[in-house]
Structures are given as structure tokens and as C-alpha cells.
């Protein structure tokens, strides 16, 4: 969704795809001024957004929705969910290739010993705090597979959710 929103004139996605500002324990944010600067260029648009996947890394990262609510109560959340097993496999290979976290175990051992592979695919657990804090009218979940297979049809509910003109997309 990060790249798809860039094309709509009523949305502006951050210059950095995953700034992780609301997960300060990762030490990736450079402060509020830096974060706000990611959205200064561009349009007089209805929404400004970002795509930090770590915001749904419960139980390892907690307090993210609460920090967002302190920043703004008007947030809307678009969650792109992937087949849970495919997501876990992709996550494993990402960690195998990563320079920050080196996964040296074979996949089966890693899956047995490391709960994060399946915790992050537990979408009910990940979405619950956002639904509780911001309400179901401000949360939309779509699947990666739907986006991959039919972008045009999948964008329709997103456009309705954001209440932006469809003819501008």
C-alpha cells in the first residue's frame, strides 16, 4: 500500500517507507521534527501515512497504538495481511539474509524455537489494540494476495475507507 497511496493526490506517504517513529525502542527515529519532516513536501492532502511493519510486532513491541493515539486520535490504519505461513517463511528468509539479525538455524528449528515467526502472523492479536483504541471504522485489513491478484478491485475498498475521490486514483 505504501507505493499505491503515493499515486493518489489526497494521500502522501512518508519519504522513508518504514520510519518506525512510534517504536522508539528500535532506536531508528531521529525525533519528532525528523518524523514530521518526512511529510512536509508535497500536497495539501487529506492523509499522510507511513508503512512501519514493526507497529504490529506484538508481543515484542508494545505500546505502539497508544503512542500513536497520543500523537493523533484521527489516525486510520490499513493493514496488509499475507497468508500467515507464507509471511512466516518470508520473514525467516529475510532474517537469514539480514545484516542486523542473523538467523543461522534451519527453518524448522527456527519455527519451533522462535515464537515471533508466528506471533507476527497472528493478525487477531496484532489488530486488537488498534481496534480497541481507534475503533473498527478506522481500521481496514486487506490481504496481500488480493492486492497482488487484482490491484484495481482491492483499491476500491481502500478508497472508500479513506473517503477520497476514486476518479483521482
Protein backbone atom coordinates (compact mmCIF):
# COMPACT_ATOMS: atom_id res chain seq x y z
CA UNK A 1 0.00 0.00 0.00
CA UNK A 2 2.87 2.42 0.55
CA UNK A 3 3.57 2.75 -3.15
CA UNK A 4 -0.08 2.63 -4.21
CA UNK A 5 -1.04 5.56 -1.95
CA UNK A 6 1.67 7.75 -3.41
CA UNK A 7 -0.30 7.82 -6.65
CA UNK A 8 -3.41 9.37 -5.06
CA UNK A 9 -3.38 13.19 -4.81
CA UNK A 10 -5.19 13.14 -1.44
CA UNK A 11 -2.54 10.96 0.21
CA UNK A 12 1.12 11.45 0.90
CA UNK A 13 3.29 8.63 2.13
CA UNK A 14 6.46 9.35 4.08
CA UNK A 15 9.76 9.76 2.25
CA UNK A 16 11.10 6.89 4.37
CA UNK A 17 8.95 3.78 3.95
CA UNK A 18 9.44 2.45 7.50
CA UNK A 19 10.46 5.28 9.84
CA UNK A 20 9.42 3.27 12.93
CA UNK A 21 8.92 6.51 14.87
CA UNK A 22 6.30 5.05 17.24
CA UNK A 23 8.61 2.16 18.19
CA UNK A 24 11.39 4.18 19.87
CA UNK A 25 12.91 1.07 21.45
CA UNK A 26 14.31 0.23 18.00
CA UNK A 27 16.36 3.46 18.03
CA UNK A 28 15.55 4.26 14.39
CA UNK A 29 13.67 7.52 14.91
CA UNK A 30 15.56 10.79 14.97
CA UNK A 31 12.89 12.69 16.88
CA UNK A 32 9.56 14.35 16.21
CA UNK A 33 10.92 17.10 13.95
CA UNK A 34 12.61 14.48 11.77
CA UNK A 35 9.40 12.46 11.64
CA UNK A 36 7.23 15.44 10.70
CA UNK A 37 9.76 16.45 8.05
CA UNK A 38 9.07 13.16 6.27
CA UNK A 39 5.66 14.61 5.33
CA UNK A 40 6.44 18.30 4.70
CA UNK A 41 6.94 18.06 0.94
CA UNK A 42 4.05 17.55 -1.35
CA UNK A 43 0.39 18.13 -1.25
CA UNK A 44 -2.28 19.78 0.76
CA UNK A 45 -3.69 16.31 1.18
CA UNK A 46 -6.22 14.64 3.42
CA UNK A 47 -3.90 11.92 4.71
CA UNK A 48 -0.24 11.47 5.41
CA UNK A 49 0.96 7.98 6.13
CA UNK A 50 3.82 5.59 6.60
CA UNK A 51 4.40 1.85 6.47
CA UNK A 52 6.29 0.66 9.52
CA UNK A 53 5.57 -3.07 9.77
CA UNK A 54 7.09 -3.22 13.25
CA UNK A 55 3.98 -1.49 14.58
CA UNK A 56 2.39 -4.94 14.53
CA UNK A 57 5.11 -6.91 16.27
CA UNK A 58 3.32 -7.91 19.44
CA UNK A 59 4.25 -9.15 21.95
CA UNK A 60 7.82 -7.99 21.27
CA UNK A 61 7.00 -4.31 20.71
CA UNK A 62 4.25 -2.94 22.90
CA UNK A 63 2.68 0.48 23.31
CA UNK A 64 2.74 1.48 19.64
CA UNK A 65 -1.01 2.16 19.23
CA UNK A 66 -1.00 4.09 22.50
CA UNK A 67 1.88 6.28 21.31
CA UNK A 68 0.09 6.89 18.01
CA UNK A 69 -3.07 7.85 19.92
CA UNK A 70 -1.05 10.37 21.94
CA UNK A 71 0.18 11.83 18.65
CA UNK A 72 -3.26 11.85 16.96
CA UNK A 73 -6.67 10.35 17.64
CA UNK A 74 -7.63 10.81 13.95
CA UNK A 75 -5.42 8.04 12.59
CA UNK A 76 -6.66 5.44 10.15
CA UNK A 77 -4.91 2.11 9.72
CA UNK A 78 -4.63 -0.01 6.63
CA UNK A 79 -3.25 -3.45 7.42
CA UNK A 80 -1.91 -5.55 4.60
CA UNK A 81 -2.05 -9.18 5.71
CA UNK A 82 -0.30 -12.01 3.97
CA UNK A 83 -1.01 -15.71 4.16
CA UNK A 84 0.35 -16.43 7.67
CA UNK A 85 2.58 -19.34 6.65
CA UNK A 86 3.93 -17.52 3.58
CA UNK A 87 4.59 -14.47 5.77
CA UNK A 88 6.50 -16.57 8.31
CA UNK A 89 8.61 -18.20 5.58
CA UNK A 90 9.38 -14.82 4.01
CA UNK A 91 10.27 -13.45 7.46
CA UNK A 92 12.64 -16.37 8.02
CA UNK A 93 14.46 -15.78 4.73
CA UNK A 94 14.62 -12.06 5.42
CA UNK A 95 16.37 -12.79 8.74
CA UNK A 96 18.71 -15.28 7.06
CA UNK A 97 19.83 -12.54 4.63
CA UNK A 98 19.76 -9.67 7.14
CA UNK A 99 22.85 -7.89 8.35
CA UNK A 100 21.20 -6.92 11.68
CA UNK A 101 19.70 -10.25 12.74
CA UNK A 102 21.41 -13.35 11.56
CA UNK A 103 19.25 -16.45 11.50
CA UNK A 104 21.53 -19.46 11.44
CA UNK A 105 19.07 -22.20 12.35
CA UNK A 106 17.33 -24.31 9.76
CA UNK A 107 13.76 -23.19 9.13
CA UNK A 108 12.02 -25.95 11.07
CA UNK A 109 14.19 -25.39 14.15
CA UNK A 110 13.74 -21.63 13.94
CA UNK A 111 9.96 -22.02 13.71
CA UNK A 112 9.92 -24.36 16.70
CA UNK A 113 12.16 -22.16 18.86
CA UNK A 114 11.27 -18.60 17.82
CA UNK A 115 7.66 -17.55 18.50
CA UNK A 116 7.96 -14.29 16.59
CA UNK A 117 7.63 -16.06 13.25
CA UNK A 118 4.05 -17.00 14.07
CA UNK A 119 3.21 -14.23 16.55
CA UNK A 120 3.60 -11.62 13.82
CA UNK A 121 1.22 -13.66 11.65
CA UNK A 122 -1.40 -13.75 14.40
CA UNK A 123 -3.42 -10.94 12.88
CA UNK A 124 -6.13 -11.05 15.54
CA UNK A 125 -3.50 -10.34 18.22
CA UNK A 126 -1.82 -7.66 16.11
CA UNK A 127 -5.04 -5.80 15.17
CA UNK A 128 -6.83 -5.97 18.51
CA UNK A 129 -5.15 -2.96 20.18
CA UNK A 130 -5.78 -0.79 17.12
CA UNK A 131 -9.43 -1.80 17.03
CA UNK A 132 -9.81 -1.12 20.75
CA UNK A 133 -8.10 2.27 20.71
CA UNK A 134 -9.19 3.67 17.34
CA UNK A 135 -12.37 1.68 16.65
CA UNK A 136 -13.32 -0.58 13.74
CA UNK A 137 -14.27 2.32 11.45
CA UNK A 138 -10.62 3.42 11.47
CA UNK A 139 -9.07 0.04 10.71
CA UNK A 140 -9.15 -1.76 7.37
CA UNK A 141 -7.49 -5.12 6.77
CA UNK A 142 -6.85 -6.40 3.26
CA UNK A 143 -4.80 -9.29 2.01
CA UNK A 144 -1.54 -9.18 0.13
CA UNK A 145 -2.93 -11.82 -2.18
CA UNK A 146 -5.94 -9.65 -3.10
CA UNK A 147 -3.63 -6.70 -3.79
CA UNK A 148 -1.33 -8.87 -5.87
CA UNK A 149 -4.10 -10.57 -7.83
CA UNK A 150 -6.38 -7.60 -8.51
CA UNK A 151 -4.99 -4.21 -7.51
CA UNK A 152 -7.83 -2.28 -9.09
CA UNK A 153 -10.61 -4.09 -7.21
CA UNK A 154 -8.60 -4.12 -3.98
CA UNK A 155 -8.06 -0.36 -4.13
CA UNK A 156 -11.84 0.28 -4.22
CA UNK A 157 -12.47 -0.51 -0.52
CA UNK A 158 -9.30 1.38 0.40
CA UNK A 159 -10.54 4.48 -1.42
CA UNK A 160 -13.94 4.16 0.29
CA UNK A 161 -12.24 3.67 3.66
CA UNK A 162 -10.18 6.83 3.20
CA UNK A 163 -13.13 8.70 1.70
CA UNK A 164 -11.07 10.12 -1.15
CA UNK A 165 -12.26 10.60 -4.73
CA UNK A 166 -11.97 7.41 -6.75
CA UNK A 167 -11.56 9.25 -10.03
CA UNK A 168 -8.30 10.82 -8.80
CA UNK A 169 -6.63 7.48 -8.08
